[in-house]
Amino acid sequence: MNCFYHTDKPAIGICKHCQRGLCADCAAIIDDVLACQHRHEDAVHMQEQLTARNLFQSKRVSSAYTRNAIFYGLVGILFAWFGYIQYRFIGIQAIFFMLIGLFLLYAATANYFESRKHK
């Protein structure tokens, strides 16, 4: 592949913004990636900042799902345990507590697996 701007020179890489081949004279290194010198430097820099911000946000999302999983798990166990213990005293109402507990345990499991996706 040859440089897009200097067709007689071999390309050393590709611009991250426009995907054109660049020779050593036309290439600018921005945040460890190549960009067209004096053309796409700002766009590539902004794109790299956006990528870094998205990676940081993904880690924050993962920790939020993990916190939710722990909370739902603890509250689900509490509801299920209370329903089980109180079954002989309050009867059918205790089944609703157990069902709520099971639903919260399901929500905890779903949040845990969702947090694994964002790591």
C-alpha atoms as a PDB file:
ATOM      1  CA  MET A   1       0.000   0.000   0.000  1.00  0.00           C
ATOM      2  CA  ASN A   2       1.203   3.487  -0.827  1.00  0.00           C
ATOM      3  CA  CYS A   3       0.569   6.815   0.863  1.00  0.00           C
ATOM      4  CA  PHE A   4      -2.725   8.418  -0.126  1.00  0.00           C
ATOM      5  CA  TYR A   5      -1.154  11.874  -0.411  1.00  0.00           C
ATOM      6  CA  HIS A   6       2.249  10.785  -1.856  1.00  0.00           C
ATOM      7  CA  THR A   7       1.538   7.892  -4.188  1.00  0.00           C
ATOM      8  CA  ASP A   8       5.228   7.244  -4.770  1.00  0.00           C
ATOM      9  CA  LYS A   9       5.992   6.518  -1.072  1.00  0.00           C
ATOM     10  CA  PRO A  10       5.054   3.361   0.840  1.00  0.00           C
ATOM     11  CA  ALA A  11       2.556   3.722   3.657  1.00  0.00           C
ATOM     12  CA  ILE A  12       3.708   3.067   7.230  1.00  0.00           C
ATOM     13  CA  GLY A  13       0.210   2.949   8.650  1.00  0.00           C
ATOM     14  CA  ILE A  14      -3.425   3.990   8.353  1.00  0.00           C
ATOM     15  CA  CYS A  15      -5.139   7.107   9.686  1.00  0.00           C
ATOM     16  CA  LYS A  16      -7.558   6.199  12.466  1.00  0.00           C
ATOM     17  CA  HIS A  17     -10.063   8.796  11.260  1.00  0.00           C
ATOM     18  CA  CYS A  18     -10.186   8.381   7.469  1.00  0.00           C
ATOM     19  CA  GLN A  19      -8.532   4.953   7.050  1.00  0.00           C
ATOM     20  CA  ARG A  20      -6.124   6.222   4.380  1.00  0.00           C
ATOM     21  CA  GLY A  21      -2.572   4.965   4.041  1.00  0.00           C
ATOM     22  CA  LEU A  22       0.064   7.398   5.328  1.00  0.00           C
ATOM     23  CA  CYS A  23       3.796   7.724   4.699  1.00  0.00           C
ATOM     24  CA  ALA A  24       6.250   8.919   7.360  1.00  0.00           C
ATOM     25  CA  ASP A  25       5.905  12.536   6.160  1.00  0.00           C
ATOM     26  CA  CYS A  26       2.095  12.573   6.372  1.00  0.00           C
ATOM     27  CA  ALA A  27       1.636  10.619   9.618  1.00  0.00           C
ATOM     28  CA  ALA A  28       1.218  12.224  13.026  1.00  0.00           C
ATOM     29  CA  ILE A  29       1.211  10.118  16.186  1.00  0.00           C
ATOM     30  CA  ILE A  30      -1.692  11.127  18.414  1.00  0.00           C
ATOM     31  CA  ASP A  31      -2.256   9.148  21.631  1.00  0.00           C
ATOM     32  CA  ASP A  32      -0.309   6.158  20.232  1.00  0.00           C
ATOM     33  CA  VAL A  33      -2.323   5.999  16.985  1.00  0.00           C
ATOM     34  CA  LEU A  34      -1.751   7.487  13.537  1.00  0.00           C
ATOM     35  CA  ALA A  35      -3.612  10.438  12.035  1.00  0.00           C
ATOM     36  CA  CYS A  36      -3.270  12.552   8.915  1.00  0.00           C
ATOM     37  CA  GLN A  37      -0.873  15.344   9.841  1.00  0.00           C
ATOM     38  CA  HIS A  38      -2.552  18.787   9.927  1.00  0.00           C
ATOM     39  CA  ARG A  39      -5.894  17.222   8.876  1.00  0.00           C
ATOM     40  CA  HIS A  40      -7.343  14.755  11.398  1.00  0.00           C
ATOM     41  CA  GLU A  41      -5.227  15.209  14.510  1.00  0.00           C
ATOM     42  CA  ASP A  42      -7.988  16.818  16.572  1.00  0.00           C
ATOM     43  CA  ALA A  43     -10.620  14.301  15.468  1.00  0.00           C
ATOM     44  CA  VAL A  44      -8.386  11.343  16.362  1.00  0.00           C
ATOM     45  CA  HIS A  45      -7.507  12.882  19.727  1.00  0.00           C
ATOM     46  CA  MET A  46     -11.211  13.368  20.529  1.00  0.00           C
ATOM     47  CA  GLN A  47     -11.965   9.815  19.400  1.00  0.00           C
ATOM     48  CA  GLU A  48      -9.256   8.426  21.697  1.00  0.00           C
ATOM     49  CA  GLN A  49     -10.587  10.476  24.625  1.00  0.00           C
ATOM     50  CA  LEU A  50     -14.085   9.141  23.982  1.00  0.00           C
ATOM     51  CA  THR A  51     -12.788   5.570  23.920  1.00  0.00           C
ATOM     52  CA  ALA A  52     -10.949   6.071  27.222  1.00  0.00           C
ATOM     53  CA  ARG A  53     -14.041   7.627  28.792  1.00  0.00           C
ATOM     54  CA  ASN A  54     -16.199   4.707  27.632  1.00  0.00           C
ATOM     55  CA  LEU A  55     -13.787   2.183  29.143  1.00  0.00           C
ATOM     56  CA  PHE A  56     -13.839   4.062  32.464  1.00  0.00           C
ATOM     57  CA  GLN A  57     -17.633   4.258  32.414  1.00  0.00           C
ATOM     58  CA  SER A  58     -17.873   0.536  31.684  1.00  0.00           C
ATOM     59  CA  LYS A  59     -15.936  -0.217  34.870  1.00  0.00           C
ATOM     60  CA  ARG A  60     -18.267   2.033  36.858  1.00  0.00           C
ATOM     61  CA  VAL A  61     -21.297   0.244  35.421  1.00  0.00           C
ATOM     62  CA  SER A  62     -19.811  -3.100  36.399  1.00  0.00           C
ATOM     63  CA  SER A  63     -19.359  -2.031  40.019  1.00  0.00           C
ATOM     64  CA  ALA A  64     -22.937  -0.713  40.161  1.00  0.00           C
ATOM     65  CA  TYR A  65     -24.284  -4.070  38.968  1.00  0.00           C
ATOM     66  CA  THR A  66     -22.140  -5.843  41.565  1.00  0.00           C
ATOM     67  CA  ARG A  67     -23.469  -3.601  44.360  1.00  0.00           C
ATOM     68  CA  ASN A  68     -27.031  -4.252  43.215  1.00  0.00           C
ATOM     69  CA  ALA A  69     -26.400  -8.006  43.135  1.00  0.00           C
ATOM     70  CA  ILE A  70     -25.155  -7.980  46.735  1.00  0.00           C
ATOM     71  CA  PHE A  71     -28.061  -5.853  47.958  1.00  0.00           C
ATOM     72  CA  TYR A  72     -30.725  -7.890  46.141  1.00  0.00           C
ATOM     73  CA  GLY A  73     -29.142 -11.122  47.344  1.00  0.00           C
ATOM     74  CA  LEU A  74     -29.141 -10.084  50.995  1.00  0.00           C
ATOM     75  CA  VAL A  75     -32.678  -8.698  50.915  1.00  0.00           C
ATOM     76  CA  GLY A  76     -33.880 -11.757  48.967  1.00  0.00           C
ATOM     77  CA  ILE A  77     -32.428 -14.107  51.574  1.00  0.00           C
ATOM     78  CA  LEU A  78     -34.070 -12.048  54.319  1.00  0.00           C
ATOM     79  CA  PHE A  79     -37.504 -12.171  52.659  1.00  0.00           C
ATOM     80  CA  ALA A  80     -37.265 -15.889  51.897  1.00  0.00           C
ATOM     81  CA  TRP A  81     -36.079 -16.686  55.430  1.00  0.00           C
ATOM     82  CA  PHE A  82     -38.809 -14.543  57.039  1.00  0.00           C
ATOM     83  CA  GLY A  83     -41.489 -16.199  54.903  1.00  0.00           C
ATOM     84  CA  TYR A  84     -40.196 -19.656  55.774  1.00  0.00           C
ATOM     85  CA  ILE A  85     -40.040 -18.923  59.526  1.00  0.00           C
ATOM     86  CA  GLN A  86     -43.460 -17.219  59.632  1.00  0.00           C
ATOM     87  CA  TYR A  87     -45.321 -19.780  57.496  1.00  0.00           C
ATOM     88  CA  ARG A  88     -46.993 -21.500  60.445  1.00  0.00           C
ATOM     89  CA  PHE A  89     -48.102 -18.177  61.949  1.00  0.00           C
ATOM     90  CA  ILE A  90     -49.330 -16.163  58.961  1.00  0.00           C
ATOM     91  CA  GLY A  91     -49.982 -18.960  56.473  1.00  0.00           C
ATOM     92  CA  ILE A  92     -50.514 -17.987  52.846  1.00  0.00           C
ATOM     93  CA  GLN A  93     -49.057 -14.504  53.330  1.00  0.00           C
ATOM     94  CA  ALA A  94     -45.709 -16.086  54.153  1.00  0.00           C
ATOM     95  CA  ILE A  95     -45.681 -17.637  50.685  1.00  0.00           C
ATOM     96  CA  PHE A  96     -45.753 -14.127  49.209  1.00  0.00           C
ATOM     97  CA  PHE A  97     -42.709 -13.220  51.300  1.00  0.00           C
ATOM     98  CA  MET A  98     -40.916 -16.313  50.019  1.00  0.00           C
ATOM     99  CA  LEU A  99     -41.879 -15.471  46.420  1.00  0.00           C
ATOM    100  CA  ILE A 100     -40.589 -11.927  46.834  1.00  0.00           C
ATOM    101  CA  GLY A 101     -37.379 -13.375  48.273  1.00  0.00           C
ATOM    102  CA  LEU A 102     -36.998 -15.747  45.314  1.00  0.00           C
ATOM    103  CA  PHE A 103     -37.620 -12.922  42.854  1.00  0.00           C
ATOM    104  CA  LEU A 104     -34.951 -10.785  44.563  1.00  0.00           C
ATOM    105  CA  LEU A 105     -32.517 -13.709  44.444  1.00  0.00           C
ATOM    106  CA  TYR A 106     -33.231 -13.997  40.710  1.00  0.00           C
ATOM    107  CA  ALA A 107     -32.579 -10.239  40.348  1.00  0.00           C
ATOM    108  CA  ALA A 108     -29.305 -10.651  42.262  1.00  0.00           C
ATOM    109  CA  THR A 109     -28.221 -13.433  39.924  1.00  0.00           C
ATOM    110  CA  ALA A 110     -29.162 -11.411  36.827  1.00  0.00           C
ATOM    111  CA  ASN A 111     -27.244  -8.361  38.110  1.00  0.00           C
ATOM    112  CA  TYR A 112     -24.206 -10.481  38.922  1.00  0.00           C
ATOM    113  CA  PHE A 113     -24.042 -11.951  35.406  1.00  0.00           C
ATOM    114  CA  GLU A 114     -24.627  -8.519  33.875  1.00  0.00           C
ATOM    115  CA  SER A 115     -21.695  -7.152  35.884  1.00  0.00           C
ATOM    116  CA  ARG A 116     -19.470  -9.886  34.418  1.00  0.00           C
ATOM    117  CA  LYS A 117     -20.280  -8.646  30.889  1.00  0.00           C
ATOM    118  CA  HIS A 118     -18.867  -5.181  31.627  1.00  0.00           C
ATOM    119  CA  LYS A 119     -15.468  -6.231  32.946  1.00  0.00           C
END
